[in-house]
Structure formats: structure tokens, C-alpha cells
PDB file of N, CA and C in Angstrom:
ATOM      1  N   UNK A   1      61.771 136.398   4.823  1.00  0.00           N
ATOM      2  CA  UNK A   1      61.611 136.214   3.394  1.00  0.00           C
ATOM      3  C   UNK A   1      63.170 136.035   2.893  1.00  0.00           C
ATOM      4  N   UNK A   2      63.499 135.138   2.044  1.00  0.00           N
ATOM      5  CA  UNK A   2      64.792 134.968   1.470  1.00  0.00           C
ATOM      6  C   UNK A   2      64.703 134.954  -0.057  1.00  0.00           C
ATOM      7  N   UNK A   3      65.658 135.598  -0.697  1.00  0.00           N
ATOM      8  CA  UNK A   3      65.588 135.576  -2.078  1.00  0.00           C
ATOM      9  C   UNK A   3      66.490 134.580  -2.565  1.00  0.00           C
ATOM     10  N   UNK A   4      66.024 133.734  -3.595  1.00  0.00           N
ATOM     11  CA  UNK A   4      66.816 132.804  -4.301  1.00  0.00           C
ATOM     12  C   UNK A   4      67.648 133.360  -5.298  1.00  0.00           C
ATOM     13  N   UNK A   5      68.363 132.596  -6.136  1.00  0.00           N
ATOM     14  CA  UNK A   5      69.397 133.047  -7.135  1.00  0.00           C
ATOM     15  C   UNK A   5      68.596 133.749  -8.127  1.00  0.00           C
ATOM     16  N   UNK A   6      67.263 133.391  -8.397  1.00  0.00           N
ATOM     17  CA  UNK A   6      66.572 134.174  -9.488  1.00  0.00           C
ATOM     18  C   UNK A   6      65.675 135.148  -8.940  1.00  0.00           C
ATOM     19  N   UNK A   7      65.998 135.748  -7.574  1.00  0.00           N
ATOM     20  CA  UNK A   7      65.371 136.876  -6.911  1.00  0.00           C
ATOM     21  C   UNK A   7      63.741 136.355  -6.781  1.00  0.00           C
ATOM     22  N   UNK A   8      63.358 135.240  -6.654  1.00  0.00           N
ATOM     23  CA  UNK A   8      62.050 134.922  -6.244  1.00  0.00           C
ATOM     24  C   UNK A   8      62.075 134.713  -4.656  1.00  0.00           C
ATOM     25  N   UNK A   9      61.020 135.383  -4.103  1.00  0.00           N
ATOM     26  CA  UNK A   9      60.953 135.159  -2.554  1.00  0.00           C
ATOM     27  C   UNK A   9      60.621 133.794  -2.184  1.00  0.00           C
ATOM     28  N   UNK A  10      61.258 133.343  -1.190  1.00  0.00           N
ATOM     29  CA  UNK A  10      60.917 131.978  -0.516  1.00  0.00           C
ATOM     30  C   UNK A  10      60.491 132.412   0.765  1.00  0.00           C
ATOM     31  N   UNK A  11      59.256 131.969   1.052  1.00  0.00           N
ATOM     32  CA  UNK A  11      58.641 132.312   2.440  1.00  0.00           C
ATOM     33  C   UNK A  11      58.904 131.059   3.390  1.00  0.00           C
ATOM     34  N   UNK A  12      59.484 131.317   4.355  1.00  0.00           N
ATOM     35  CA  UNK A  12      59.844 130.301   5.355  1.00  0.00           C
ATOM     36  C   UNK A  12      58.853 130.383   6.573  1.00  0.00           C
ATOM     37  N   UNK A  13      58.911 129.588   7.632  1.00  0.00           N
ATOM     38  CA  UNK A  13      58.116 129.699   8.763  1.00  0.00           C
ATOM     39  C   UNK A  13      58.046 130.856   9.399  1.00  0.00           C
ATOM     40  N   UNK A  14      59.148 131.634   9.314  1.00  0.00           N
ATOM     41  CA  UNK A  14      59.272 132.852  10.131  1.00  0.00           C
ATOM     42  C   UNK A  14      58.730 134.007   9.339  1.00  0.00           C
ATOM     43  N   UNK A  15      58.403 133.957   8.098  1.00  0.00           N
ATOM     44  CA  UNK A  15      57.913 135.073   7.392  1.00  0.00           C
ATOM     45  C   UNK A  15      56.543 134.700   6.736  1.00  0.00           C
ATOM     46  N   UNK A  16      55.432 134.945   7.398  1.00  0.00           N
ATOM     47  CA  UNK A  16      54.171 134.509   6.980  1.00  0.00           C
ATOM     48  C   UNK A  16      53.840 135.312   5.726  1.00  0.00           C
ATOM     49  N   UNK A  17      53.097 134.540   4.825  1.00  0.00           N
ATOM     50  CA  UNK A  17      52.702 135.232   3.662  1.00  0.00           C
ATOM     51  C   UNK A  17      51.448 135.952   3.796  1.00  0.00           C
ATOM     52  N   UNK A  18      51.574 137.237   3.991  1.00  0.00           N
ATOM     53  CA  UNK A  18      50.357 138.094   4.171  1.00  0.00           C
ATOM     54  C   UNK A  18      49.960 138.743   2.831  1.00  0.00           C
ATOM     55  N   UNK A  19      50.774 139.082   1.884  1.00  0.00           N
ATOM     56  CA  UNK A  19      50.389 139.771   0.773  1.00  0.00           C
ATOM     57  C   UNK A  19      49.554 138.933  -0.198  1.00  0.00           C
ATOM     58  N   UNK A  20      48.463 139.512  -0.705  1.00  0.00           N
ATOM     59  CA  UNK A  20      47.484 138.816  -1.671  1.00  0.00           C
ATOM     60  C   UNK A  20      48.138 138.698  -3.000  1.00  0.00           C
ATOM     61  N   UNK A  21      47.800 137.693  -3.657  1.00  0.00           N
ATOM     62  CA  UNK A  21      48.299 137.424  -4.969  1.00  0.00           C
ATOM     63  C   UNK A  21      47.987 138.754  -5.818  1.00  0.00           C
ATOM     64  N   UNK A  22      48.934 139.234  -6.592  1.00  0.00           N
ATOM     65  CA  UNK A  22      48.801 140.522  -7.363  1.00  0.00           C
ATOM     66  C   UNK A  22      47.685 140.647  -8.165  1.00  0.00           C
ATOM     67  N   UNK A  23      47.220 139.705  -8.792  1.00  0.00           N
ATOM     68  CA  UNK A  23      46.243 139.870  -9.808  1.00  0.00           C
ATOM     69  C   UNK A  23      44.969 138.934  -9.386  1.00  0.00           C
ATOM     70  N   UNK A  24      44.884 138.458  -8.302  1.00  0.00           N
ATOM     71  CA  UNK A  24      43.786 137.731  -7.840  1.00  0.00           C
ATOM     72  C   UNK A  24      42.487 138.506  -8.002  1.00  0.00           C
ATOM     73  N   UNK A  25      42.507 139.781  -7.559  1.00  0.00           N
ATOM     74  CA  UNK A  25      41.193 140.584  -7.571  1.00  0.00           C
ATOM     75  C   UNK A  25      40.688 140.724  -8.973  1.00  0.00           C
ATOM     76  N   UNK A  26      41.631 140.794 -10.023  1.00  0.00           N
ATOM     77  CA  UNK A  26      41.317 140.960 -11.461  1.00  0.00           C
ATOM     78  C   UNK A  26      40.515 139.707 -11.774  1.00  0.00           C
ATOM     79  N   UNK A  27      40.934 138.526 -11.424  1.00  0.00           N
ATOM     80  CA  UNK A  27      40.383 137.223 -11.937  1.00  0.00           C
ATOM     81  C   UNK A  27      38.941 137.167 -11.084  1.00  0.00           C
ATOM     82  N   UNK A  28      38.923 137.632  -9.854  1.00  0.00           N
ATOM     83  CA  UNK A  28      37.681 137.517  -9.043  1.00  0.00           C
ATOM     84  C   UNK A  28      36.687 138.331  -9.774  1.00  0.00           C
ATOM     85  N   UNK A  29      36.880 139.608 -10.118  1.00  0.00           N
ATOM     86  CA  UNK A  29      36.071 140.571 -10.690  1.00  0.00           C
ATOM     87  C   UNK A  29      35.515 140.188 -12.011  1.00  0.00           C
ATOM     88  N   UNK A  30      36.287 139.270 -12.846  1.00  0.00           N
ATOM     89  CA  UNK A  30      35.971 138.987 -14.078  1.00  0.00           C
ATOM     90  C   UNK A  30      35.719 137.507 -14.325  1.00  0.00           C
ATOM     91  N   UNK A  31      35.376 136.839 -13.164  1.00  0.00           N
ATOM     92  CA  UNK A  31      35.369 135.310 -13.313  1.00  0.00           C
ATOM     93  C   UNK A  31      34.281 134.847 -14.325  1.00  0.00           C
ATOM     94  N   UNK A  32      33.259 135.461 -14.377  1.00  0.00           N
ATOM     95  CA  UNK A  32      32.128 134.848 -15.257  1.00  0.00           C
ATOM     96  C   UNK A  32      32.561 135.049 -16.686  1.00  0.00           C
ATOM     97  N   UNK A  33      33.177 136.383 -17.014  1.00  0.00           N
ATOM     98  CA  UNK A  33      33.567 136.499 -18.438  1.00  0.00           C
ATOM     99  C   UNK A  33      34.715 135.633 -18.902  1.00  0.00           C
ATOM    100  N   UNK A  34      35.668 135.340 -17.935  1.00  0.00           N
ATOM    101  CA  UNK A  34      36.838 134.528 -18.277  1.00  0.00           C
ATOM    102  C   UNK A  34      36.391 133.028 -18.338  1.00  0.00           C
ATOM    103  N   UNK A  35      35.397 132.695 -17.436  1.00  0.00           N
ATOM    104  CA  UNK A  35      34.805 131.276 -17.611  1.00  0.00           C
ATOM    105  C   UNK A  35      34.088 131.172 -19.013  1.00  0.00           C
ATOM    106  N   UNK A  36      33.343 131.991 -19.408  1.00  0.00           N
ATOM    107  CA  UNK A  36      32.763 131.970 -20.801  1.00  0.00           C
ATOM    108  C   UNK A  36      33.826 131.790 -21.918  1.00  0.00           C
ATOM    109  N   UNK A  37      34.813 132.672 -21.835  1.00  0.00           N
ATOM    110  CA  UNK A  37      35.791 132.527 -22.719  1.00  0.00           C
ATOM    111  C   UNK A  37      36.527 131.114 -22.758  1.00  0.00           C
ATOM    112  N   UNK A  38      36.755 130.627 -21.654  1.00  0.00           N
ATOM    113  CA  UNK A  38      37.381 129.435 -21.554  1.00  0.00           C
ATOM    114  C   UNK A  38      36.489 128.282 -22.030  1.00  0.00           C
ATOM    115  N   UNK A  39      35.225 128.277 -21.803  1.00  0.00           N
ATOM    116  CA  UNK A  39      34.239 127.274 -22.205  1.00  0.00           C
ATOM    117  C   UNK A  39      34.077 127.390 -23.786  1.00  0.00           C
ATOM    118  N   UNK A  40      34.057 128.540 -24.246  1.00  0.00           N
ATOM    119  CA  UNK A  40      34.059 128.586 -25.791  1.00  0.00           C
ATOM    120  C   UNK A  40      35.246 128.085 -26.419  1.00  0.00           C
ATOM    121  N   UNK A  41      36.429 128.401 -25.978  1.00  0.00           N
ATOM    122  CA  UNK A  41      37.792 127.965 -26.412  1.00  0.00           C
ATOM    123  C   UNK A  41      37.728 126.498 -26.223  1.00  0.00           C
ATOM    124  N   UNK A  42      37.342 125.900 -25.154  1.00  0.00           N
ATOM    125  CA  UNK A  42      37.302 124.475 -24.947  1.00  0.00           C
ATOM    126  C   UNK A  42      36.380 123.634 -25.964  1.00  0.00           C
ATOM    127  N   UNK A  43      35.247 124.388 -26.295  1.00  0.00           N
ATOM    128  CA  UNK A  43      34.367 123.783 -27.327  1.00  0.00           C
ATOM    129  C   UNK A  43      34.943 123.831 -28.689  1.00  0.00           C
ATOM    130  N   UNK A  44      35.700 124.877 -29.043  1.00  0.00           N
ATOM    131  CA  UNK A  44      36.410 124.970 -30.394  1.00  0.00           C
ATOM    132  C   UNK A  44      37.476 123.904 -30.300  1.00  0.00           C
ATOM    133  N   UNK A  45      38.201 123.699 -29.206  1.00  0.00           N
ATOM    134  CA  UNK A  45      39.297 122.770 -29.254  1.00  0.00           C
ATOM    135  C   UNK A  45      38.717 121.402 -29.323  1.00  0.00           C
ATOM    136  N   UNK A  46      37.672 121.113 -28.828  1.00  0.00           N
ATOM    137  CA  UNK A  46      37.035 119.803 -28.883  1.00  0.00           C
ATOM    138  C   UNK A  46      36.683 119.517 -30.328  1.00  0.00           C
ATOM    139  N   UNK A  47      36.045 120.398 -30.938  1.00  0.00           N
ATOM    140  CA  UNK A  47      35.718 120.276 -32.278  1.00  0.00           C
ATOM    141  C   UNK A  47      36.991 120.020 -33.172  1.00  0.00           C
ATOM    142  N   UNK A  48      37.951 120.815 -32.912  1.00  0.00           N
ATOM    143  CA  UNK A  48      39.194 120.694 -33.628  1.00  0.00           C
ATOM    144  C   UNK A  48      39.881 119.364 -33.427  1.00  0.00           C
ATOM    145  N   UNK A  49      39.820 118.848 -32.273  1.00  0.00           N
ATOM    146  CA  UNK A  49      40.473 117.503 -32.105  1.00  0.00           C
ATOM    147  C   UNK A  49      39.542 116.405 -32.648  1.00  0.00           C
ATOM    148  N   UNK A  50      38.239 116.564 -32.499  1.00  0.00           N
ATOM    149  CA  UNK A  50      37.360 115.488 -33.040  1.00  0.00           C
ATOM    150  C   UNK A  50      37.350 115.247 -34.559  1.00  0.00           C
ATOM    151  N   UNK A  51      37.305 116.548 -35.115  1.00  0.00           N
ATOM    152  CA  UNK A  51      37.291 116.571 -36.699  1.00  0.00           C
ATOM    153  C   UNK A  51      38.278 117.444 -37.131  1.00  0.00           C
ATOM    154  N   UNK A  52      39.307 116.833 -37.608  1.00  0.00           N
ATOM    155  CA  UNK A  52      40.506 117.610 -37.960  1.00  0.00           C
ATOM    156  C   UNK A  52      40.350 118.013 -39.430  1.00  0.00           C
ATOM    157  N   UNK A  53      39.499 118.993 -39.782  1.00  0.00           N
ATOM    158  CA  UNK A  53      39.354 119.528 -40.978  1.00  0.00           C
ATOM    159  C   UNK A  53      39.935 121.044 -40.990  1.00  0.00           C
ATOM    160  N   UNK A  54      39.989 121.425 -42.203  1.00  0.00           N
ATOM    161  CA  UNK A  54      40.591 122.810 -42.396  1.00  0.00           C
ATOM    162  C   UNK A  54      39.651 123.775 -41.737  1.00  0.00           C
ATOM    163  N   UNK A  55      38.251 123.513 -41.774  1.00  0.00           N
ATOM    164  CA  UNK A  55      37.410 124.598 -41.204  1.00  0.00           C
ATOM    165  C   UNK A  55      37.493 124.534 -39.719  1.00  0.00           C
ATOM    166  N   UNK A  56      37.594 123.315 -38.927  1.00  0.00           N
ATOM    167  CA  UNK A  56      37.705 123.278 -37.574  1.00  0.00           C
ATOM    168  C   UNK A  56      39.029 123.829 -37.209  1.00  0.00           C
ATOM    169  N   UNK A  57      40.021 123.631 -37.855  1.00  0.00           N
ATOM    170  CA  UNK A  57      41.366 124.123 -37.484  1.00  0.00           C
ATOM    171  C   UNK A  57      41.450 125.608 -37.706  1.00  0.00           C
ATOM    172  N   UNK A  58      40.864 126.137 -38.703  1.00  0.00           N
ATOM    173  CA  UNK A  58      40.793 127.604 -38.832  1.00  0.00           C
ATOM    174  C   UNK A  58      39.982 128.322 -37.738  1.00  0.00           C
ATOM    175  N   UNK A  59      38.755 127.699 -37.454  1.00  0.00           N
ATOM    176  CA  UNK A  59      37.942 128.131 -36.396  1.00  0.00           C
ATOM    177  C   UNK A  59      38.738 128.105 -35.105  1.00  0.00           C
ATOM    178  N   UNK A  60      39.218 127.097 -34.754  1.00  0.00           N
ATOM    179  CA  UNK A  60      40.026 127.002 -33.486  1.00  0.00           C
ATOM    180  C   UNK A  60      41.013 128.187 -33.344  1.00  0.00           C
ATOM    181  N   UNK A  61      41.776 128.228 -34.384  1.00  0.00           N
ATOM    182  CA  UNK A  61      42.937 129.325 -34.184  1.00  0.00           C
ATOM    183  C   UNK A  61      42.340 130.591 -34.257  1.00  0.00           C
ATOM    184  N   UNK A  62      41.400 130.883 -35.057  1.00  0.00           N
ATOM    185  CA  UNK A  62      40.797 132.158 -35.067  1.00  0.00           C
ATOM    186  C   UNK A  62      40.204 132.544 -33.705  1.00  0.00           C
ATOM    187  N   UNK A  63      39.400 131.537 -33.238  1.00  0.00           N
ATOM    188  CA  UNK A  63      38.854 131.968 -31.897  1.00  0.00           C
ATOM    189  C   UNK A  63      39.922 132.061 -30.819  1.00  0.00           C
ATOM    190  N   UNK A  64      40.971 131.301 -30.914  1.00  0.00           N
ATOM    191  CA  UNK A  64      41.978 131.517 -29.828  1.00  0.00           C
ATOM    192  C   UNK A  64      42.605 132.863 -29.898  1.00  0.00           C
ATOM    193  N   UNK A  65      42.796 133.387 -31.073  1.00  0.00           N
ATOM    194  CA  UNK A  65      43.239 134.771 -31.231  1.00  0.00           C
ATOM    195  C   UNK A  65      42.286 135.776 -30.629  1.00  0.00           C
ATOM    196  N   UNK A  66      41.067 135.549 -31.136  1.00  0.00           N
ATOM    197  CA  UNK A  66      39.906 136.466 -30.682  1.00  0.00           C
ATOM    198  C   UNK A  66      39.795 136.376 -29.106  1.00  0.00           C
ATOM    199  N   UNK A  67      39.945 135.167 -28.657  1.00  0.00           N
ATOM    200  CA  UNK A  67      39.891 134.953 -27.240  1.00  0.00           C
ATOM    201  C   UNK A  67      40.749 135.797 -26.378  1.00  0.00           C
ATOM    202  N   UNK A  68      42.064 135.691 -26.932  1.00  0.00           N
ATOM    203  CA  UNK A  68      43.186 136.546 -26.319  1.00  0.00           C
ATOM    204  C   UNK A  68      42.846 137.906 -26.263  1.00  0.00           C
ATOM    205  N   UNK A  69      42.351 138.376 -27.500  1.00  0.00           N
ATOM    206  CA  UNK A  69      42.102 139.774 -27.786  1.00  0.00           C
ATOM    207  C   UNK A  69      41.035 140.169 -26.739  1.00  0.00           C
ATOM    208  N   UNK A  70      39.998 139.387 -26.519  1.00  0.00           N
ATOM    209  CA  UNK A  70      38.985 139.698 -25.599  1.00  0.00           C
ATOM    210  C   UNK A  70      39.431 139.915 -24.167  1.00  0.00           C
ATOM    211  N   UNK A  71      40.147 138.830 -23.824  1.00  0.00           N
ATOM    212  CA  UNK A  71      40.897 138.819 -22.422  1.00  0.00           C
ATOM    213  C   UNK A  71      41.710 140.125 -22.158  1.00  0.00           C
ATOM    214  N   UNK A  72      42.445 140.476 -23.323  1.00  0.00           N
ATOM    215  CA  UNK A  72      43.256 141.773 -22.971  1.00  0.00           C
ATOM    216  C   UNK A  72      42.125 142.962 -22.900  1.00  0.00           C
ATOM    217  N   UNK A  73      41.200 142.979 -23.529  1.00  0.00           N
ATOM    218  CA  UNK A  73      40.143 144.106 -23.480  1.00  0.00           C
ATOM    219  C   UNK A  73      39.568 144.005 -22.097  1.00  0.00           C
ATOM    220  N   UNK A  74      39.265 143.021 -21.506  1.00  0.00           N
ATOM    221  CA  UNK A  74      38.664 142.814 -20.146  1.00  0.00           C
ATOM    222  C   UNK A  74      39.722 143.349 -19.176  1.00  0.00           C
ATOM    223  N   UNK A  75      40.935 143.044 -19.407  1.00  0.00           N
ATOM    224  CA  UNK A  75      41.883 143.426 -18.476  1.00  0.00           C
ATOM    225  C   UNK A  75      42.148 144.863 -18.573  1.00  0.00           C
ATOM    226  N   UNK A  76      42.186 145.448 -19.851  1.00  0.00           N
ATOM    227  CA  UNK A  76      42.396 146.820 -19.909  1.00  0.00           C
ATOM    228  C   UNK A  76      41.183 147.743 -19.295  1.00  0.00           C
ATOM    229  N   UNK A  77      40.078 147.201 -19.467  1.00  0.00           N
ATOM    230  CA  UNK A  77      38.798 147.800 -18.770  1.00  0.00           C
ATOM    231  C   UNK A  77      38.834 147.695 -17.299  1.00  0.00           C
ATOM    232  N   UNK A  78      39.408 146.664 -16.812  1.00  0.00           N
ATOM    233  CA  UNK A  78      39.468 146.600 -15.327  1.00  0.00           C
ATOM    234  C   UNK A  78      40.589 147.492 -14.797  1.00  0.00           C
ATOM    235  N   UNK A  79      41.684 147.560 -15.524  1.00  0.00           N
ATOM    236  CA  UNK A  79      42.733 148.520 -15.117  1.00  0.00           C
ATOM    237  C   UNK A  79      42.286 150.105 -15.119  1.00  0.00           C
ATOM    238  N   UNK A  80      41.504 150.271 -16.136  1.00  0.00           N
ATOM    239  CA  UNK A  80      40.956 151.753 -16.222  1.00  0.00           C
ATOM    240  C   UNK A  80      39.991 152.082 -15.087  1.00  0.00           C
ATOM    241  N   UNK A  81      39.222 151.069 -14.789  1.00  0.00           N
ATOM    242  CA  UNK A  81      38.271 151.182 -13.674  1.00  0.00           C
ATOM    243  C   UNK A  81      39.022 151.297 -12.338  1.00  0.00           C
ATOM    244  N   UNK A  82      40.032 150.603 -12.255  1.00  0.00           N
ATOM    245  CA  UNK A  82      40.760 150.608 -10.973  1.00  0.00           C
ATOM    246  C   UNK A  82      41.798 152.031 -10.818  1.00  0.00           C
ATOM    247  N   UNK A  83      42.124 152.511 -11.933  1.00  0.00           N
ATOM    248  CA  UNK A  83      42.822 153.733 -11.945  1.00  0.00           C
ATOM    249  C   UNK A  83      42.057 155.054 -11.436  1.00  0.00           C
TER     250      UNK A  83
END
């Protein structure tokens, strides 16, 4: 493994990458919840793009904020469970 100028590891042919992605298991454990959040956000975004009214704009940005909060709650619950 070689470190670049920004200290990011570069894996060459002599250093196989055996380490699992750091948060991959977090996504795997919460795949259904995250997919539901994304589906709802995408629906809100589609409504926002199709009908640019004050109501759809407010609903989209409100859900975007609430979606992030829910994602953080899921992550916190997962971290507590792993600890």
C-alpha cells in the first residue's frame, strides 16, 4: 500500500485489498429502512420537480431534513447495538 499526497491509500497489485469497507455492514443491516427513506425522498423530489408550488417545495425540503434526521437515528441505533 502506498500513501498519496493526501494520505489516501493506493492499493497496487502487490497489496491486495482485504479490508472490508468500514461502514458496509451498517448499510447491509439497514438496507430496507434506507431504501424506504430514499423512495419517499425521491417521491417528494418528483412532486417538487413536476409541480413547483410553495407547498411541494416546502414538503420536499421538510422531508429532506426529516429524512436526514431519521437516517442519523438509524445510524445511532446501529452504533449502540454494536457497542
